[in-house]
PDB file of all heavy atoms in Angstrom:
ATOM      1  N   VAL A   1       7.648   2.570 -40.856  1.00  0.00           N
ATOM      2  CA  VAL A   1       7.718   3.515 -41.984  1.00  0.00           C
ATOM      3  C   VAL A   1       8.386   2.865 -43.179  1.00  0.00           C
ATOM      4  O   VAL A   1       7.931   3.006 -44.310  1.00  0.00           O
ATOM      5  CB  VAL A   1       8.457   4.806 -41.564  1.00  0.00           C
ATOM      6  CG1 VAL A   1       8.769   5.671 -42.767  1.00  0.00           C
ATOM      7  CG2 VAL A   1       7.638   5.572 -40.544  1.00  0.00           C
ATOM      8  N   ILE A   2       9.447   2.121 -42.952  1.00  0.00           N
ATOM      9  CA  ILE A   2      10.164   1.462 -44.046  1.00  0.00           C
ATOM     10  C   ILE A   2       9.304   0.380 -44.687  1.00  0.00           C
ATOM     11  O   ILE A   2       9.299   0.204 -45.896  1.00  0.00           O
ATOM     12  CB  ILE A   2      11.499   0.883 -43.536  1.00  0.00           C
ATOM     13  CG1 ILE A   2      12.450   2.023 -43.176  1.00  0.00           C
ATOM     14  CG2 ILE A   2      12.135  -0.043 -44.568  1.00  0.00           C
ATOM     15  CD1 ILE A   2      13.720   1.575 -42.488  1.00  0.00           C
ATOM     16  N   ALA A   3       8.542  -0.348 -43.872  1.00  0.00           N
ATOM     17  CA  ALA A   3       7.757  -1.473 -44.366  1.00  0.00           C
ATOM     18  C   ALA A   3       6.431  -1.053 -44.990  1.00  0.00           C
ATOM     19  O   ALA A   3       5.754  -1.874 -45.576  1.00  0.00           O
ATOM     20  CB  ALA A   3       7.495  -2.449 -43.225  1.00  0.00           C
ATOM     21  N   SER A   4       6.049   0.198 -44.868  1.00  0.00           N
ATOM     22  CA  SER A   4       4.747   0.611 -45.376  1.00  0.00           C
ATOM     23  C   SER A   4       4.740   0.657 -46.894  1.00  0.00           C
ATOM     24  O   SER A   4       5.754   0.865 -47.544  1.00  0.00           O
ATOM     25  CB  SER A   4       4.364   1.977 -44.806  1.00  0.00           C
ATOM     26  OG  SER A   4       5.273   2.956 -45.244  1.00  0.00           O
ATOM     27  N   ALA A   5       3.553   0.443 -47.437  1.00  0.00           N
ATOM     28  CA  ALA A   5       3.389   0.413 -48.880  1.00  0.00           C
ATOM     29  C   ALA A   5       3.239   1.825 -49.439  1.00  0.00           C
ATOM     30  O   ALA A   5       2.737   2.721 -48.768  1.00  0.00           O
ATOM     31  CB  ALA A   5       2.168  -0.416 -49.243  1.00  0.00           C
ATOM     32  N   ILE A   6       3.660   1.988 -50.669  1.00  0.00           N
ATOM     33  CA  ILE A   6       3.445   3.236 -51.397  1.00  0.00           C
ATOM     34  C   ILE A   6       2.081   3.115 -52.063  1.00  0.00           C
ATOM     35  O   ILE A   6       1.798   2.151 -52.762  1.00  0.00           O
ATOM     36  CB  ILE A   6       4.554   3.459 -52.434  1.00  0.00           C
ATOM     37  CG1 ILE A   6       5.897   3.662 -51.722  1.00  0.00           C
ATOM     38  CG2 ILE A   6       4.220   4.652 -53.330  1.00  0.00           C
ATOM     39  CD1 ILE A   6       7.083   3.751 -52.642  1.00  0.00           C
ATOM     40  N   VAL A   7       1.225   4.092 -51.823  1.00  0.00           N
ATOM     41  CA  VAL A   7      -0.147   4.056 -52.329  1.00  0.00           C
ATOM     42  C   VAL A   7      -0.239   4.880 -53.603  1.00  0.00           C
ATOM     43  O   VAL A   7       0.236   6.013 -53.664  1.00  0.00           O
ATOM     44  CB  VAL A   7      -1.128   4.588 -51.267  1.00  0.00           C
ATOM     45  CG1 VAL A   7      -2.553   4.573 -51.801  1.00  0.00           C
ATOM     46  CG2 VAL A   7      -1.028   3.775 -49.986  1.00  0.00           C
ATOM     47  N   ILE A   8      -0.850   4.277 -54.637  1.00  0.00           N
ATOM     48  CA  ILE A   8      -1.032   4.930 -55.932  1.00  0.00           C
ATOM     49  C   ILE A   8      -2.525   4.898 -56.253  1.00  0.00           C
ATOM     50  O   ILE A   8      -3.153   3.839 -56.186  1.00  0.00           O
ATOM     51  CB  ILE A   8      -0.249   4.189 -57.041  1.00  0.00           C
ATOM     52  CG1 ILE A   8       1.240   4.128 -56.695  1.00  0.00           C
ATOM     53  CG2 ILE A   8      -0.479   4.853 -58.394  1.00  0.00           C
ATOM     54  CD1 ILE A   8       2.030   3.192 -57.591  1.00  0.00           C
ATOM     55  N   TYR A   9      -3.086   6.043 -56.582  1.00  0.00           N
ATOM     56  CA  TYR A   9      -4.495   6.130 -56.956  1.00  0.00           C
ATOM     57  C   TYR A   9      -4.594   6.337 -58.465  1.00  0.00           C
ATOM     58  O   TYR A   9      -3.882   7.156 -59.040  1.00  0.00           O
ATOM     59  CB  TYR A   9      -5.172   7.304 -56.239  1.00  0.00           C
ATOM     60  CG  TYR A   9      -5.283   7.096 -54.744  1.00  0.00           C
ATOM     61  CD1 TYR A   9      -4.316   7.603 -53.887  1.00  0.00           C
ATOM     62  CD2 TYR A   9      -6.339   6.387 -54.211  1.00  0.00           C
ATOM     63  CE1 TYR A   9      -4.403   7.402 -52.516  1.00  0.00           C
ATOM     64  CE2 TYR A   9      -6.434   6.176 -52.845  1.00  0.00           C
ATOM     65  CZ  TYR A   9      -5.468   6.687 -52.008  1.00  0.00           C
ATOM     66  OH  TYR A   9      -5.552   6.482 -50.658  1.00  0.00           O
ATOM     67  N   ILE A  10      -5.498   5.573 -59.095  1.00  0.00           N
ATOM     68  CA  ILE A  10      -5.733   5.730 -60.532  1.00  0.00           C
ATOM     69  C   ILE A  10      -7.224   5.921 -60.766  1.00  0.00           C
ATOM     70  O   ILE A  10      -8.053   5.506 -59.949  1.00  0.00           O
ATOM     71  CB  ILE A  10      -5.216   4.527 -61.351  1.00  0.00           C
ATOM     72  CG1 ILE A  10      -5.939   3.244 -60.974  1.00  0.00           C
ATOM     73  CG2 ILE A  10      -3.724   4.349 -61.194  1.00  0.00           C
ATOM     74  CD1 ILE A  10      -5.717   2.111 -61.942  1.00  0.00           C
ATOM     75  N   ASN A  11      -7.552   6.531 -61.880  1.00  0.00           N
ATOM     76  CA  ASN A  11      -8.953   6.658 -62.287  1.00  0.00           C
ATOM     77  C   ASN A  11      -9.294   5.475 -63.174  1.00  0.00           C
ATOM     78  O   ASN A  11      -8.543   5.136 -64.079  1.00  0.00           O
ATOM     79  CB  ASN A  11      -9.182   7.953 -63.061  1.00  0.00           C
ATOM     80  CG  ASN A  11      -9.050   9.167 -62.180  1.00  0.00           C
ATOM     81  OD1 ASN A  11      -9.417   9.123 -61.020  1.00  0.00           O
ATOM     82  ND2 ASN A  11      -8.522  10.250 -62.732  1.00  0.00           N
ATOM     83  N   GLY A  12     -10.409   4.842 -62.912  1.00  0.00           N
ATOM     84  CA  GLY A  12     -10.864   3.752 -63.760  1.00  0.00           C
ATOM     85  C   GLY A  12     -10.490   2.385 -63.222  1.00  0.00           C
ATOM     86  O   GLY A  12     -10.172   2.208 -62.048  1.00  0.00           O
ATOM     87  N   ARG A  13     -10.506   1.420 -64.120  1.00  0.00           N
ATOM     88  CA  ARG A  13     -10.288   0.018 -63.781  1.00  0.00           C
ATOM     89  C   ARG A  13      -8.807  -0.292 -63.627  1.00  0.00           C
ATOM     90  O   ARG A  13      -7.981   0.176 -64.408  1.00  0.00           O
ATOM     91  CB  ARG A  13     -10.891  -0.860 -64.876  1.00  0.00           C
ATOM     92  CG  ARG A  13     -10.635  -2.344 -64.680  1.00  0.00           C
ATOM     93  CD  ARG A  13     -11.342  -3.150 -65.696  1.00  0.00           C
ATOM     94  NE  ARG A  13     -12.738  -3.209 -65.260  1.00  0.00           N
ATOM     95  CZ  ARG A  13     -13.656  -3.944 -65.845  1.00  0.00           C
ATOM     96  NH1 ARG A  13     -13.366  -4.647 -66.908  1.00  0.00           N
ATOM     97  NH2 ARG A  13     -14.880  -3.962 -65.386  1.00  0.00           N
ATOM     98  N   ILE A  14      -8.499  -1.105 -62.640  1.00  0.00           N
ATOM     99  CA  ILE A  14      -7.129  -1.590 -62.464  1.00  0.00           C
ATOM    100  C   ILE A  14      -6.972  -2.817 -63.357  1.00  0.00           C
ATOM    101  O   ILE A  14      -7.624  -3.845 -63.151  1.00  0.00           O
ATOM    102  CB  ILE A  14      -6.840  -1.970 -61.000  1.00  0.00           C
ATOM    103  CG1 ILE A  14      -7.075  -0.782 -60.068  1.00  0.00           C
ATOM    104  CG2 ILE A  14      -5.413  -2.480 -60.859  1.00  0.00           C
ATOM    105  CD1 ILE A  14      -7.022  -1.131 -58.593  1.00  0.00           C
ATOM    106  N   ASN A  15      -6.139  -2.695 -64.385  1.00  0.00           N
ATOM    107  CA  ASN A  15      -5.844  -3.811 -65.287  1.00  0.00           C
ATOM    108  C   ASN A  15      -4.335  -3.824 -65.554  1.00  0.00           C
ATOM    109  O   ASN A  15      -3.594  -3.039 -64.976  1.00  0.00           O
ATOM    110  CB  ASN A  15      -6.662  -3.700 -66.578  1.00  0.00           C
ATOM    111  CG  ASN A  15      -6.475  -2.370 -67.264  1.00  0.00           C
ATOM    112  OD1 ASN A  15      -5.445  -1.727 -67.131  1.00  0.00           O
ATOM    113  ND2 ASN A  15      -7.483  -1.942 -68.008  1.00  0.00           N
ATOM    114  N   ARG A  16      -3.878  -4.728 -66.388  1.00  0.00           N
ATOM    115  CA  ARG A  16      -2.437  -4.833 -66.647  1.00  0.00           C
ATOM    116  C   ARG A  16      -1.859  -3.523 -67.179  1.00  0.00           C
ATOM    117  O   ARG A  16      -0.775  -3.105 -66.787  1.00  0.00           O
ATOM    118  CB  ARG A  16      -2.164  -5.975 -67.622  1.00  0.00           C
ATOM    119  CG  ARG A  16      -2.283  -7.331 -66.982  1.00  0.00           C
ATOM    120  CD  ARG A  16      -2.158  -8.470 -68.005  1.00  0.00           C
ATOM    121  NE  ARG A  16      -2.542  -9.724 -67.394  1.00  0.00           N
ATOM    122  CZ  ARG A  16      -3.793 -10.126 -67.224  1.00  0.00           C
ATOM    123  NH1 ARG A  16      -4.798  -9.373 -67.629  1.00  0.00           N
ATOM    124  NH2 ARG A  16      -4.060 -11.289 -66.647  1.00  0.00           N
ATOM    125  N   SER A  17      -2.579  -2.871 -68.056  1.00  0.00           N
ATOM    126  CA  SER A  17      -2.102  -1.621 -68.650  1.00  0.00           C
ATOM    127  C   SER A  17      -1.973  -0.510 -67.597  1.00  0.00           C
ATOM    128  O   SER A  17      -0.965   0.206 -67.557  1.00  0.00           O
ATOM    129  CB  SER A  17      -3.061  -1.188 -69.757  1.00  0.00           C
ATOM    130  OG  SER A  17      -2.693   0.045 -70.290  1.00  0.00           O
ATOM    131  N   SER A  18      -2.977  -0.377 -66.741  1.00  0.00           N
ATOM    132  CA  SER A  18      -2.919   0.674 -65.720  1.00  0.00           C
ATOM    133  C   SER A  18      -1.852   0.359 -64.668  1.00  0.00           C
ATOM    134  O   SER A  18      -1.207   1.273 -64.140  1.00  0.00           O
ATOM    135  CB  SER A  18      -4.285   0.871 -65.055  1.00  0.00           C
ATOM    136  OG  SER A  18      -4.698  -0.287 -64.371  1.00  0.00           O
ATOM    137  N   ILE A  19      -1.641  -0.934 -64.383  1.00  0.00           N
ATOM    138  CA  ILE A  19      -0.573  -1.319 -63.454  1.00  0.00           C
ATOM    139  C   ILE A  19       0.781  -0.970 -64.048  1.00  0.00           C
ATOM    140  O   ILE A  19       1.649  -0.410 -63.368  1.00  0.00           O
ATOM    141  CB  ILE A  19      -0.651  -2.818 -63.093  1.00  0.00           C
ATOM    142  CG1 ILE A  19      -1.893  -3.090 -62.237  1.00  0.00           C
ATOM    143  CG2 ILE A  19       0.614  -3.273 -62.368  1.00  0.00           C
ATOM    144  CD1 ILE A  19      -2.156  -4.560 -61.979  1.00  0.00           C
ATOM    145  N   LYS A  20       0.972  -1.281 -65.330  1.00  0.00           N
ATOM    146  CA  LYS A  20       2.245  -0.954 -65.991  1.00  0.00           C
ATOM    147  C   LYS A  20       2.513   0.539 -65.964  1.00  0.00           C
ATOM    148  O   LYS A  20       3.625   0.983 -65.682  1.00  0.00           O
ATOM    149  CB  LYS A  20       2.240  -1.463 -67.431  1.00  0.00           C
ATOM    150  CG  LYS A  20       2.405  -2.948 -67.549  1.00  0.00           C
ATOM    151  CD  LYS A  20       2.419  -3.374 -69.009  1.00  0.00           C
ATOM    152  CE  LYS A  20       2.532  -4.879 -69.119  1.00  0.00           C
ATOM    153  NZ  LYS A  20       2.618  -5.320 -70.512  1.00  0.00           N
ATOM    154  N   SER A  21       1.498   1.345 -66.233  1.00  0.00           N
ATOM    155  CA  SER A  21       1.657   2.805 -66.212  1.00  0.00           C
ATOM    156  C   SER A  21       2.005   3.302 -64.824  1.00  0.00           C
ATOM    157  O   SER A  21       2.876   4.163 -64.661  1.00  0.00           O
ATOM    158  CB  SER A  21       0.377   3.489 -66.689  1.00  0.00           C
ATOM    159  OG  SER A  21       0.110   3.174 -68.020  1.00  0.00           O
ATOM    160  N   ALA A  22       1.333   2.758 -63.807  1.00  0.00           N
ATOM    161  CA  ALA A  22       1.602   3.177 -62.430  1.00  0.00           C
ATOM    162  C   ALA A  22       3.010   2.787 -62.008  1.00  0.00           C
ATOM    163  O   ALA A  22       3.718   3.572 -61.368  1.00  0.00           O
ATOM    164  CB  ALA A  22       0.571   2.554 -61.487  1.00  0.00           C
ATOM    165  N   LEU A  23       3.434   1.579 -62.361  1.00  0.00           N
ATOM    166  CA  LEU A  23       4.778   1.125 -62.007  1.00  0.00           C
ATOM    167  C   LEU A  23       5.844   1.926 -62.750  1.00  0.00           C
ATOM    168  O   LEU A  23       6.889   2.258 -62.197  1.00  0.00           O
ATOM    169  CB  LEU A  23       4.941  -0.365 -62.286  1.00  0.00           C
ATOM    170  CG  LEU A  23       4.114  -1.311 -61.428  1.00  0.00           C
ATOM    171  CD1 LEU A  23       4.301  -2.749 -61.897  1.00  0.00           C
ATOM    172  CD2 LEU A  23       4.466  -1.175 -59.961  1.00  0.00           C
ATOM    173  N   GLU A  24       5.571   2.237 -63.998  1.00  0.00           N
ATOM    174  CA  GLU A  24       6.516   3.026 -64.795  1.00  0.00           C
ATOM    175  C   GLU A  24       6.726   4.408 -64.183  1.00  0.00           C
ATOM    176  O   GLU A  24       7.843   4.920 -64.159  1.00  0.00           O
ATOM    177  CB  GLU A  24       6.014   3.148 -66.228  1.00  0.00           C
ATOM    178  CG  GLU A  24       7.000   3.772 -67.177  1.00  0.00           C
ATOM    179  CD  GLU A  24       6.512   3.738 -68.606  1.00  0.00           C
ATOM    180  OE1 GLU A  24       5.292   3.788 -68.833  1.00  0.00           O
ATOM    181  OE2 GLU A  24       7.369   3.664 -69.494  1.00  0.00           O
ATOM    182  N   SER A  25       5.662   4.988 -63.636  1.00  0.00           N
ATOM    183  CA  SER A  25       5.784   6.317 -63.021  1.00  0.00           C
ATOM    184  C   SER A  25       6.644   6.282 -61.756  1.00  0.00           C
ATOM    185  O   SER A  25       7.178   7.301 -61.343  1.00  0.00           O
ATOM    186  CB  SER A  25       4.402   6.881 -62.685  1.00  0.00           C
ATOM    187  OG  SER A  25       3.824   6.195 -61.587  1.00  0.00           O
ATOM    188  N   LYS A  26       6.790   5.105 -61.157  1.00  0.00           N
ATOM    189  CA  LYS A  26       7.621   4.937 -59.954  1.00  0.00           C
ATOM    190  C   LYS A  26       8.972   4.304 -60.285  1.00  0.00           C
ATOM    191  O   LYS A  26       9.714   3.912 -59.392  1.00  0.00           O
ATOM    192  CB  LYS A  26       6.901   4.066 -58.921  1.00  0.00           C
ATOM    193  CG  LYS A  26       5.595   4.649 -58.439  1.00  0.00           C
ATOM    194  CD  LYS A  26       5.828   5.945 -57.705  1.00  0.00           C
ATOM    195  CE  LYS A  26       4.512   6.499 -57.186  1.00  0.00           C
ATOM    196  NZ  LYS A  26       4.663   7.787 -56.558  1.00  0.00           N
ATOM    197  N   ASN A  27       9.309   4.180 -61.581  1.00  0.00           N
ATOM    198  CA  ASN A  27      10.568   3.600 -62.053  1.00  0.00           C
ATOM    199  C   ASN A  27      10.770   2.157 -61.585  1.00  0.00           C
ATOM    200  O   ASN A  27      11.873   1.758 -61.229  1.00  0.00           O
ATOM    201  CB  ASN A  27      11.766   4.458 -61.634  1.00  0.00           C
ATOM    202  CG  ASN A  27      11.733   5.812 -62.293  1.00  0.00           C
ATOM    203  OD1 ASN A  27      11.381   5.926 -63.458  1.00  0.00           O
ATOM    204  ND2 ASN A  27      12.080   6.834 -61.557  1.00  0.00           N
ATOM    205  N   VAL A  28       9.691   1.385 -61.593  1.00  0.00           N
ATOM    206  CA  VAL A  28       9.740  -0.034 -61.230  1.00  0.00           C
ATOM    207  C   VAL A  28       9.762  -0.846 -62.522  1.00  0.00           C
ATOM    208  O   VAL A  28       8.971  -0.599 -63.429  1.00  0.00           O
ATOM    209  CB  VAL A  28       8.513  -0.421 -60.367  1.00  0.00           C
ATOM    210  CG1 VAL A  28       8.506  -1.897 -60.059  1.00  0.00           C
ATOM    211  CG2 VAL A  28       8.496   0.399 -59.098  1.00  0.00           C
ATOM    212  N   LYS A  29      10.663  -1.811 -62.607  1.00  0.00           N
ATOM    213  CA  LYS A  29      10.789  -2.618 -63.829  1.00  0.00           C
ATOM    214  C   LYS A  29       9.859  -3.816 -63.846  1.00  0.00           C
ATOM    215  O   LYS A  29       9.457  -4.287 -64.900  1.00  0.00           O
ATOM    216  CB  LYS A  29      12.229  -3.079 -63.984  1.00  0.00           C
ATOM    217  CG  LYS A  29      13.187  -1.929 -64.214  1.00  0.00           C
ATOM    218  CD  LYS A  29      14.594  -2.408 -64.358  1.00  0.00           C
ATOM    219  CE  LYS A  29      15.522  -1.210 -64.537  1.00  0.00           C
ATOM    220  NZ  LYS A  29      16.922  -1.604 -64.533  1.00  0.00           N
ATOM    221  N   GLY A  30       9.526  -4.328 -62.667  1.00  0.00           N
ATOM    222  CA  GLY A  30       8.636  -5.470 -62.597  1.00  0.00           C
ATOM    223  C   GLY A  30       8.141  -5.682 -61.187  1.00  0.00           C
ATOM    224  O   GLY A  30       8.816  -5.339 -60.217  1.00  0.00           O
ATOM    225  N   ALA A  31       6.932  -6.240 -61.076  1.00  0.00           N
ATOM    226  CA  ALA A  31       6.353  -6.487 -59.758  1.00  0.00           C
ATOM    227  C   ALA A  31       5.451  -7.708 -59.823  1.00  0.00           C
ATOM    228  O   ALA A  31       4.944  -8.065 -60.888  1.00  0.00           O
ATOM    229  CB  ALA A  31       5.564  -5.278 -59.280  1.00  0.00           C
ATOM    230  N   ILE A  32       5.260  -8.326 -58.675  1.00  0.00           N
ATOM    231  CA  ILE A  32       4.378  -9.483 -58.568  1.00  0.00           C
ATOM    232  C   ILE A  32       3.127  -9.062 -57.810  1.00  0.00           C
ATOM    233  O   ILE A  32       3.201  -8.287 -56.853  1.00  0.00           O
ATOM    234  CB  ILE A  32       5.097 -10.662 -57.872  1.00  0.00           C
ATOM    235  CG1 ILE A  32       4.235 -11.917 -57.907  1.00  0.00           C
ATOM    236  CG2 ILE A  32       5.497 -10.309 -56.457  1.00  0.00           C
ATOM    237  CD1 ILE A  32       4.986 -13.178 -57.528  1.00  0.00           C
ATOM    238  N   ILE A  33       1.982  -9.555 -58.264  1.00  0.00           N
ATOM    239  CA  ILE A  33       0.726  -9.255 -57.588  1.00  0.00           C
ATOM    240  C   ILE A  33       0.651 -10.113 -56.335  1.00  0.00           C
ATOM    241  O   ILE A  33       0.649 -11.337 -56.401  1.00  0.00           O
ATOM    242  CB  ILE A  33      -0.488  -9.531 -58.503  1.00  0.00           C
ATOM    243  CG1 ILE A  33      -0.433  -8.628 -59.738  1.00  0.00           C
ATOM    244  CG2 ILE A  33      -1.795  -9.329 -57.728  1.00  0.00           C
ATOM    245  CD1 ILE A  33      -1.525  -8.902 -60.759  1.00  0.00           C
ATOM    246  N   LYS A  34       0.629  -9.464 -55.175  1.00  0.00           N
ATOM    247  CA  LYS A  34       0.593 -10.165 -53.889  1.00  0.00           C
ATOM    248  C   LYS A  34      -0.831 -10.380 -53.386  1.00  0.00           C
ATOM    249  O   LYS A  34      -1.121 -11.379 -52.747  1.00  0.00           O
ATOM    250  CB  LYS A  34       1.387  -9.394 -52.827  1.00  0.00           C
ATOM    251  CG  LYS A  34       2.847  -9.219 -53.150  1.00  0.00           C
ATOM    252  CD  LYS A  34       3.569 -10.522 -53.288  1.00  0.00           C
ATOM    253  CE  LYS A  34       4.015 -11.027 -51.953  1.00  0.00           C
ATOM    254  NZ  LYS A  34       4.809 -12.245 -52.022  1.00  0.00           N
ATOM    255  N   GLN A  35      -1.717  -9.410 -53.658  1.00  0.00           N
ATOM    256  CA  GLN A  35      -3.072  -9.507 -53.142  1.00  0.00           C
ATOM    257  C   GLN A  35      -4.017  -8.712 -54.031  1.00  0.00           C
ATOM    258  O   GLN A  35      -3.662  -7.640 -54.518  1.00  0.00           O
ATOM    259  CB  GLN A  35      -3.123  -8.968 -51.713  1.00  0.00           C
ATOM    260  CG  GLN A  35      -4.463  -9.091 -51.049  1.00  0.00           C
ATOM    261  CD  GLN A  35      -4.436  -8.569 -49.614  1.00  0.00           C
ATOM    262  OE1 GLN A  35      -3.439  -8.008 -49.158  1.00  0.00           O
ATOM    263  NE2 GLN A  35      -5.522  -8.753 -48.907  1.00  0.00           N
ATOM    264  N   ILE A  36      -5.219  -9.241 -54.207  1.00  0.00           N
ATOM    265  CA  ILE A  36      -6.263  -8.544 -54.950  1.00  0.00           C
ATOM    266  C   ILE A  36      -7.483  -8.457 -54.040  1.00  0.00           C
ATOM    267  O   ILE A  36      -7.998  -9.476 -53.580  1.00  0.00           O
ATOM    268  CB  ILE A  36      -6.634  -9.293 -56.247  1.00  0.00           C
ATOM    269  CG1 ILE A  36      -5.417  -9.396 -57.162  1.00  0.00           C
ATOM    270  CG2 ILE A  36      -7.794  -8.600 -56.954  1.00  0.00           C
ATOM    271  CD1 ILE A  36      -5.612 -10.296 -58.361  1.00  0.00           C
ATOM    272  N   ASP A  37      -7.917  -7.229 -53.764  1.00  0.00           N
ATOM    273  CA  ASP A  37      -9.099  -7.007 -52.942  1.00  0.00           C
ATOM    274  C   ASP A  37     -10.163  -6.362 -53.828  1.00  0.00           C
ATOM    275  O   ASP A  37     -10.168  -5.156 -54.025  1.00  0.00           O
ATOM    276  CB  ASP A  37      -8.754  -6.109 -51.748  1.00  0.00           C
ATOM    277  CG  ASP A  37      -9.915  -5.932 -50.785  1.00  0.00           C
ATOM    278  OD1 ASP A  37     -11.059  -6.286 -51.150  1.00  0.00           O
ATOM    279  OD2 ASP A  37      -9.682  -5.430 -49.676  1.00  0.00           O
TER     280      ASP A  37
END
């Protein structure tokens, strides 16, 4: 449970802007892209 990822769903394309908005909503200041599927 602790190691599980928090899942965020967005409408449209995942780009830098949408990532920033999603992270901002979770009060995250910065993140590294670990995987792209």
